N, C-alpha and C. Protein backbone atom coordinates (compact mmCIF):
# COMPACT_ATOMS: atom_id res chain seq x y z
N ALA A 1 10.52 -2.20 42.81
CA ALA A 1 11.45 -3.28 43.08
C ALA A 1 12.45 -3.36 41.94
N ALA A 2 13.63 -3.76 42.30
CA ALA A 2 14.70 -3.86 41.32
C ALA A 2 14.47 -5.02 40.38
N GLY A 3 14.70 -4.81 39.08
CA GLY A 3 14.59 -5.89 38.11
C GLY A 3 13.19 -6.11 37.56
N THR A 4 12.21 -5.31 37.93
CA THR A 4 10.86 -5.48 37.38
C THR A 4 10.66 -4.50 36.24
N PHE A 5 9.84 -4.91 35.29
CA PHE A 5 9.56 -4.09 34.12
C PHE A 5 8.08 -3.79 34.11
N ASP A 6 7.74 -2.54 34.18
CA ASP A 6 6.35 -2.13 34.19
C ASP A 6 6.12 -1.19 33.00
N PRO A 7 5.71 -1.75 31.84
CA PRO A 7 5.54 -0.90 30.65
C PRO A 7 4.32 0.00 30.77
N ASP A 8 4.40 1.09 30.09
CA ASP A 8 3.26 2.00 30.03
C ASP A 8 2.15 1.33 29.22
N PRO A 9 0.92 1.25 29.76
CA PRO A 9 -0.17 0.56 29.04
C PRO A 9 -0.45 1.16 27.66
N MET A 10 -0.27 2.45 27.49
CA MET A 10 -0.55 3.06 26.19
C MET A 10 0.47 2.63 25.14
N ILE A 11 1.70 2.40 25.55
CA ILE A 11 2.71 1.91 24.61
C ILE A 11 2.37 0.49 24.18
N VAL A 12 1.92 -0.32 25.11
CA VAL A 12 1.52 -1.69 24.79
C VAL A 12 0.35 -1.69 23.82
N VAL A 13 -0.64 -0.84 24.06
CA VAL A 13 -1.81 -0.75 23.18
C VAL A 13 -1.39 -0.30 21.79
N GLU A 14 -0.48 0.66 21.72
CA GLU A 14 -0.01 1.15 20.42
C GLU A 14 0.73 0.06 19.66
N VAL A 15 1.59 -0.68 20.32
CA VAL A 15 2.35 -1.74 19.67
C VAL A 15 1.41 -2.85 19.20
N VAL A 16 0.49 -3.26 20.04
CA VAL A 16 -0.47 -4.30 19.65
C VAL A 16 -1.33 -3.81 18.48
N GLY A 17 -1.74 -2.55 18.51
CA GLY A 17 -2.54 -1.99 17.42
C GLY A 17 -1.79 -2.00 16.10
N ARG A 18 -0.51 -1.64 16.13
CA ARG A 18 0.29 -1.65 14.89
C ARG A 18 0.48 -3.07 14.37
N ILE A 19 0.64 -4.03 15.26
CA ILE A 19 0.80 -5.42 14.83
C ILE A 19 -0.49 -5.92 14.18
N VAL A 20 -1.63 -5.63 14.80
CA VAL A 20 -2.92 -6.06 14.24
C VAL A 20 -3.16 -5.38 12.90
N TYR A 21 -2.85 -4.09 12.80
CA TYR A 21 -3.02 -3.37 11.54
C TYR A 21 -2.11 -3.95 10.45
N PHE A 22 -0.87 -4.27 10.81
CA PHE A 22 0.06 -4.87 9.86
C PHE A 22 -0.48 -6.20 9.35
N LEU A 23 -0.96 -7.05 10.24
CA LEU A 23 -1.51 -8.35 9.82
C LEU A 23 -2.74 -8.18 8.93
N PHE A 24 -3.62 -7.24 9.30
CA PHE A 24 -4.80 -6.98 8.49
C PHE A 24 -4.42 -6.49 7.10
N ALA A 25 -3.46 -5.55 7.03
CA ALA A 25 -3.02 -5.01 5.74
C ALA A 25 -2.39 -6.11 4.89
N GLU A 26 -1.59 -6.97 5.50
CA GLU A 26 -0.97 -8.07 4.77
C GLU A 26 -2.03 -8.99 4.18
N ILE A 27 -3.00 -9.36 4.99
CA ILE A 27 -4.06 -10.27 4.52
C ILE A 27 -4.83 -9.64 3.36
N VAL A 28 -5.15 -8.36 3.50
CA VAL A 28 -5.90 -7.67 2.43
C VAL A 28 -5.09 -7.67 1.13
N TRP A 29 -3.81 -7.31 1.19
CA TRP A 29 -3.02 -7.23 -0.03
C TRP A 29 -2.73 -8.60 -0.62
N ILE A 30 -2.59 -9.61 0.22
CA ILE A 30 -2.43 -10.98 -0.30
C ILE A 30 -3.70 -11.40 -1.04
N LEU A 31 -4.86 -11.12 -0.45
CA LEU A 31 -6.12 -11.47 -1.12
C LEU A 31 -6.30 -10.69 -2.42
N VAL A 32 -5.93 -9.41 -2.43
CA VAL A 32 -6.00 -8.62 -3.67
C VAL A 32 -5.13 -9.26 -4.74
N GLY A 33 -3.92 -9.65 -4.38
CA GLY A 33 -3.02 -10.31 -5.33
C GLY A 33 -3.59 -11.62 -5.84
N CYS A 34 -4.20 -12.40 -4.97
CA CYS A 34 -4.81 -13.67 -5.39
C CYS A 34 -5.96 -13.43 -6.36
N VAL A 35 -6.78 -12.44 -6.08
CA VAL A 35 -7.89 -12.10 -6.98
C VAL A 35 -7.34 -11.65 -8.34
N VAL A 36 -6.29 -10.87 -8.33
CA VAL A 36 -5.65 -10.43 -9.58
C VAL A 36 -5.14 -11.64 -10.36
N GLY A 37 -4.50 -12.57 -9.68
CA GLY A 37 -3.97 -13.76 -10.34
C GLY A 37 -5.06 -14.61 -10.97
N PHE A 38 -6.23 -14.64 -10.36
CA PHE A 38 -7.34 -15.44 -10.89
C PHE A 38 -8.05 -14.71 -12.03
N PHE A 39 -8.51 -13.49 -11.75
CA PHE A 39 -9.33 -12.78 -12.73
C PHE A 39 -8.52 -12.22 -13.90
N GLY A 40 -7.25 -11.96 -13.71
CA GLY A 40 -6.43 -11.50 -14.83
C GLY A 40 -6.35 -12.56 -15.91
N LEU A 41 -6.15 -13.79 -15.49
CA LEU A 41 -6.03 -14.89 -16.44
C LEU A 41 -7.37 -15.23 -17.10
N PHE A 42 -8.39 -15.43 -16.28
CA PHE A 42 -9.68 -15.80 -16.84
C PHE A 42 -10.37 -14.64 -17.53
N GLY A 43 -10.12 -13.42 -17.08
CA GLY A 43 -10.69 -12.26 -17.75
C GLY A 43 -10.19 -12.15 -19.18
N GLY A 44 -8.89 -12.30 -19.36
CA GLY A 44 -8.33 -12.25 -20.71
C GLY A 44 -8.87 -13.35 -21.59
N THR A 45 -9.07 -14.52 -21.03
CA THR A 45 -9.58 -15.65 -21.79
C THR A 45 -11.01 -15.41 -22.26
N PHE A 46 -11.88 -15.06 -21.33
CA PHE A 46 -13.30 -14.96 -21.67
C PHE A 46 -13.66 -13.69 -22.42
N VAL A 47 -12.98 -12.59 -22.14
CA VAL A 47 -13.26 -11.36 -22.88
C VAL A 47 -12.82 -11.50 -24.33
N THR A 48 -11.65 -12.06 -24.55
CA THR A 48 -11.16 -12.26 -25.92
C THR A 48 -12.07 -13.19 -26.69
N ALA A 49 -12.48 -14.29 -26.06
CA ALA A 49 -13.38 -15.23 -26.72
C ALA A 49 -14.76 -14.60 -26.93
N GLY A 50 -15.21 -13.82 -25.96
CA GLY A 50 -16.52 -13.17 -26.06
C GLY A 50 -16.57 -12.13 -27.16
N LEU A 51 -15.45 -11.50 -27.45
CA LEU A 51 -15.40 -10.51 -28.53
C LEU A 51 -15.22 -11.15 -29.90
N GLY A 52 -15.06 -12.47 -29.93
CA GLY A 52 -14.97 -13.18 -31.19
C GLY A 52 -13.56 -13.31 -31.75
N PHE A 53 -12.56 -13.02 -30.96
CA PHE A 53 -11.18 -13.12 -31.44
C PHE A 53 -10.58 -14.51 -31.26
N GLY A 54 -11.29 -15.38 -30.65
CA GLY A 54 -10.79 -16.74 -30.43
C GLY A 54 -11.91 -17.59 -29.87
N ASP A 55 -11.56 -18.73 -29.39
CA ASP A 55 -12.52 -19.68 -28.84
C ASP A 55 -12.16 -19.95 -27.39
N GLU A 56 -13.17 -20.08 -26.52
CA GLU A 56 -12.91 -20.38 -25.11
C GLU A 56 -12.11 -21.66 -24.95
N GLN A 57 -12.26 -22.59 -25.88
CA GLN A 57 -11.51 -23.84 -25.79
C GLN A 57 -10.01 -23.60 -25.93
N ASN A 58 -9.64 -22.55 -26.64
CA ASN A 58 -8.21 -22.22 -26.74
C ASN A 58 -7.64 -21.85 -25.37
N GLY A 59 -8.47 -21.27 -24.53
CA GLY A 59 -8.03 -20.88 -23.19
C GLY A 59 -8.14 -21.99 -22.17
N ALA A 60 -8.69 -23.14 -22.57
CA ALA A 60 -8.83 -24.25 -21.62
C ALA A 60 -7.48 -24.73 -21.12
N ALA A 61 -6.47 -24.62 -21.95
CA ALA A 61 -5.12 -25.03 -21.53
C ALA A 61 -4.59 -24.10 -20.43
N LEU A 62 -5.15 -22.90 -20.34
CA LEU A 62 -4.69 -21.96 -19.31
C LEU A 62 -5.32 -22.21 -17.95
N SER A 63 -6.32 -23.09 -17.88
CA SER A 63 -7.04 -23.28 -16.62
C SER A 63 -6.13 -23.75 -15.50
N PHE A 64 -5.12 -24.54 -15.82
CA PHE A 64 -4.20 -24.99 -14.78
C PHE A 64 -3.27 -23.89 -14.33
N MET A 65 -3.12 -22.87 -15.14
CA MET A 65 -2.19 -21.79 -14.81
C MET A 65 -2.60 -21.02 -13.56
N THR A 66 -3.88 -21.06 -13.20
CA THR A 66 -4.30 -20.35 -11.98
C THR A 66 -3.62 -20.94 -10.75
N MET A 67 -3.24 -22.21 -10.82
CA MET A 67 -2.51 -22.81 -9.70
C MET A 67 -1.15 -22.15 -9.53
N LEU A 68 -0.67 -21.49 -10.56
CA LEU A 68 0.61 -20.78 -10.49
C LEU A 68 0.42 -19.28 -10.30
N THR A 69 -0.54 -18.69 -11.01
CA THR A 69 -0.68 -17.24 -10.98
C THR A 69 -1.29 -16.74 -9.68
N VAL A 70 -2.24 -17.48 -9.10
CA VAL A 70 -2.87 -17.02 -7.86
C VAL A 70 -1.85 -16.93 -6.72
N PRO A 71 -1.12 -18.01 -6.41
CA PRO A 71 -0.15 -17.85 -5.32
C PRO A 71 1.01 -16.90 -5.66
N PHE A 72 1.41 -16.86 -6.92
CA PHE A 72 2.50 -15.95 -7.30
C PHE A 72 2.09 -14.49 -7.09
N CYS A 73 0.93 -14.12 -7.61
CA CYS A 73 0.48 -12.73 -7.47
C CYS A 73 0.19 -12.39 -6.00
N GLY A 74 -0.37 -13.33 -5.25
CA GLY A 74 -0.60 -13.10 -3.83
C GLY A 74 0.69 -12.90 -3.07
N THR A 75 1.70 -13.68 -3.41
CA THR A 75 3.00 -13.56 -2.75
C THR A 75 3.67 -12.24 -3.10
N VAL A 76 3.66 -11.88 -4.37
CA VAL A 76 4.29 -10.61 -4.79
C VAL A 76 3.60 -9.44 -4.10
N SER A 77 2.28 -9.45 -4.06
CA SER A 77 1.54 -8.36 -3.44
C SER A 77 1.80 -8.32 -1.93
N GLY A 78 1.79 -9.49 -1.28
CA GLY A 78 2.01 -9.54 0.16
C GLY A 78 3.41 -9.14 0.57
N VAL A 79 4.41 -9.63 -0.14
CA VAL A 79 5.79 -9.28 0.18
C VAL A 79 6.02 -7.78 -0.05
N SER A 80 5.48 -7.26 -1.13
CA SER A 80 5.62 -5.83 -1.39
C SER A 80 4.95 -5.00 -0.30
N SER A 81 3.80 -5.45 0.15
CA SER A 81 3.10 -4.76 1.24
C SER A 81 3.93 -4.77 2.51
N GLY A 82 4.52 -5.90 2.83
CA GLY A 82 5.34 -6.00 4.03
C GLY A 82 6.57 -5.11 3.96
N LEU A 83 7.18 -5.03 2.78
CA LEU A 83 8.37 -4.20 2.62
C LEU A 83 8.03 -2.71 2.71
N LEU A 84 6.85 -2.34 2.22
CA LEU A 84 6.47 -0.93 2.23
C LEU A 84 5.85 -0.49 3.56
N PHE A 85 5.48 -1.43 4.42
CA PHE A 85 4.72 -1.08 5.62
C PHE A 85 5.47 -0.08 6.50
N ALA A 86 6.73 -0.35 6.76
CA ALA A 86 7.49 0.53 7.65
C ALA A 86 8.09 1.73 6.91
N ALA A 87 8.22 1.62 5.59
CA ALA A 87 8.96 2.64 4.85
C ALA A 87 8.09 3.72 4.23
N ALA A 88 6.78 3.51 4.15
CA ALA A 88 5.94 4.47 3.42
C ALA A 88 4.65 4.75 4.19
N ASP A 89 4.06 5.89 3.89
CA ASP A 89 2.78 6.21 4.51
C ASP A 89 1.64 5.49 3.78
N PHE A 90 0.43 5.62 4.30
CA PHE A 90 -0.72 4.87 3.78
C PHE A 90 -0.97 5.18 2.30
N ARG A 91 -0.99 6.45 1.94
CA ARG A 91 -1.29 6.84 0.54
C ARG A 91 -0.26 6.25 -0.42
N THR A 92 1.00 6.33 -0.07
CA THR A 92 2.06 5.80 -0.93
C THR A 92 1.93 4.29 -1.08
N ARG A 93 1.62 3.60 0.01
CA ARG A 93 1.45 2.14 -0.06
C ARG A 93 0.30 1.76 -0.96
N VAL A 94 -0.83 2.45 -0.81
CA VAL A 94 -2.01 2.12 -1.62
C VAL A 94 -1.74 2.38 -3.10
N LEU A 95 -1.13 3.52 -3.41
CA LEU A 95 -0.84 3.83 -4.82
C LEU A 95 0.18 2.86 -5.41
N THR A 96 1.22 2.55 -4.66
CA THR A 96 2.26 1.64 -5.17
C THR A 96 1.71 0.23 -5.35
N LEU A 97 1.03 -0.28 -4.34
CA LEU A 97 0.52 -1.65 -4.42
C LEU A 97 -0.65 -1.75 -5.41
N GLY A 98 -1.44 -0.70 -5.50
CA GLY A 98 -2.50 -0.69 -6.51
C GLY A 98 -1.92 -0.73 -7.92
N GLY A 99 -0.87 0.07 -8.14
CA GLY A 99 -0.21 0.05 -9.45
C GLY A 99 0.44 -1.28 -9.75
N LEU A 100 1.07 -1.89 -8.75
CA LEU A 100 1.69 -3.20 -8.92
C LEU A 100 0.65 -4.25 -9.30
N ASN A 101 -0.47 -4.27 -8.58
CA ASN A 101 -1.51 -5.24 -8.88
C ASN A 101 -2.18 -4.97 -10.22
N LEU A 102 -2.33 -3.71 -10.57
CA LEU A 102 -2.87 -3.37 -11.88
C LEU A 102 -1.94 -3.85 -13.00
N ALA A 103 -0.65 -3.69 -12.80
CA ALA A 103 0.32 -4.15 -13.80
C ALA A 103 0.29 -5.67 -13.93
N MET A 104 0.20 -6.38 -12.80
CA MET A 104 0.12 -7.85 -12.86
C MET A 104 -1.16 -8.28 -13.58
N PHE A 105 -2.27 -7.59 -13.30
CA PHE A 105 -3.53 -7.90 -13.97
C PHE A 105 -3.40 -7.68 -15.47
N ALA A 106 -2.82 -6.56 -15.87
CA ALA A 106 -2.68 -6.25 -17.29
C ALA A 106 -1.81 -7.27 -18.01
N VAL A 107 -0.73 -7.70 -17.38
CA VAL A 107 0.15 -8.69 -18.00
C VAL A 107 -0.57 -10.02 -18.16
N LEU A 108 -1.24 -10.47 -17.11
CA LEU A 108 -1.97 -11.75 -17.20
C LEU A 108 -3.10 -11.67 -18.20
N PHE A 109 -3.84 -10.58 -18.18
CA PHE A 109 -4.95 -10.39 -19.12
C PHE A 109 -4.43 -10.41 -20.55
N GLY A 110 -3.36 -9.67 -20.81
CA GLY A 110 -2.79 -9.60 -22.16
C GLY A 110 -2.24 -10.94 -22.63
N LEU A 111 -1.54 -11.64 -21.76
CA LEU A 111 -1.01 -12.95 -22.15
C LEU A 111 -2.11 -13.95 -22.45
N ALA A 112 -3.14 -13.96 -21.60
CA ALA A 112 -4.26 -14.88 -21.83
C ALA A 112 -4.99 -14.52 -23.12
N ALA A 113 -5.20 -13.24 -23.36
CA ALA A 113 -5.86 -12.81 -24.60
C ALA A 113 -5.03 -13.20 -25.81
N TYR A 114 -3.73 -13.06 -25.71
CA TYR A 114 -2.84 -13.44 -26.82
C TYR A 114 -2.92 -14.93 -27.10
N VAL A 115 -2.90 -15.74 -26.06
CA VAL A 115 -2.96 -17.20 -26.25
C VAL A 115 -4.29 -17.60 -26.89
N VAL A 116 -5.38 -17.02 -26.43
CA VAL A 116 -6.70 -17.37 -26.99
C VAL A 116 -6.80 -16.90 -28.43
N ALA A 117 -6.38 -15.68 -28.71
CA ALA A 117 -6.47 -15.15 -30.07
C ALA A 117 -5.53 -15.88 -31.02
N ALA A 118 -4.33 -16.20 -30.56
CA ALA A 118 -3.36 -16.92 -31.41
C ALA A 118 -3.86 -18.32 -31.71
N GLY A 119 -4.49 -18.97 -30.75
CA GLY A 119 -5.06 -20.30 -30.98
C GLY A 119 -6.18 -20.26 -31.99
N GLY A 120 -6.96 -19.18 -31.99
CA GLY A 120 -8.04 -19.02 -32.96
C GLY A 120 -7.52 -18.83 -34.36
N ARG A 121 -6.37 -18.14 -34.51
CA ARG A 121 -5.79 -17.92 -35.84
C ARG A 121 -5.21 -19.21 -36.40
N ARG A 122 -4.66 -20.07 -35.55
CA ARG A 122 -4.06 -21.30 -36.05
C ARG A 122 -5.08 -22.28 -36.59
N ARG A 123 -6.28 -22.25 -36.07
CA ARG A 123 -7.31 -23.20 -36.50
C ARG A 123 -7.86 -22.89 -37.88
N ARG A 124 -7.84 -21.64 -38.26
CA ARG A 124 -8.50 -21.23 -39.50
C ARG A 124 -7.68 -21.52 -40.71
């Protein structure tokens, strides 16, 4: 009949599959970013204090920072994942986003360690 649209079922399945995969990948990378935002900050605080370079109380002021770092890192990771989804293959996305999250972790860890260690030096 004129004016009817009868799509091929395999095309519909492929499109739905790509949409579900995209949503799953986005959720995974957002969660990875959130974990990085949390553990990067607290990891730097507790490892530095545990090694004796400062006091955990020096890092107490950083506890509110997770309200900023968790959503920020999750957003950066998720947006980057969305931008790379159509432009890159799986291996490239994993390596790029893994490196991005590793860099965010290192920056947060280093900043937290610096704050804890610097606070320990000021007290003495």
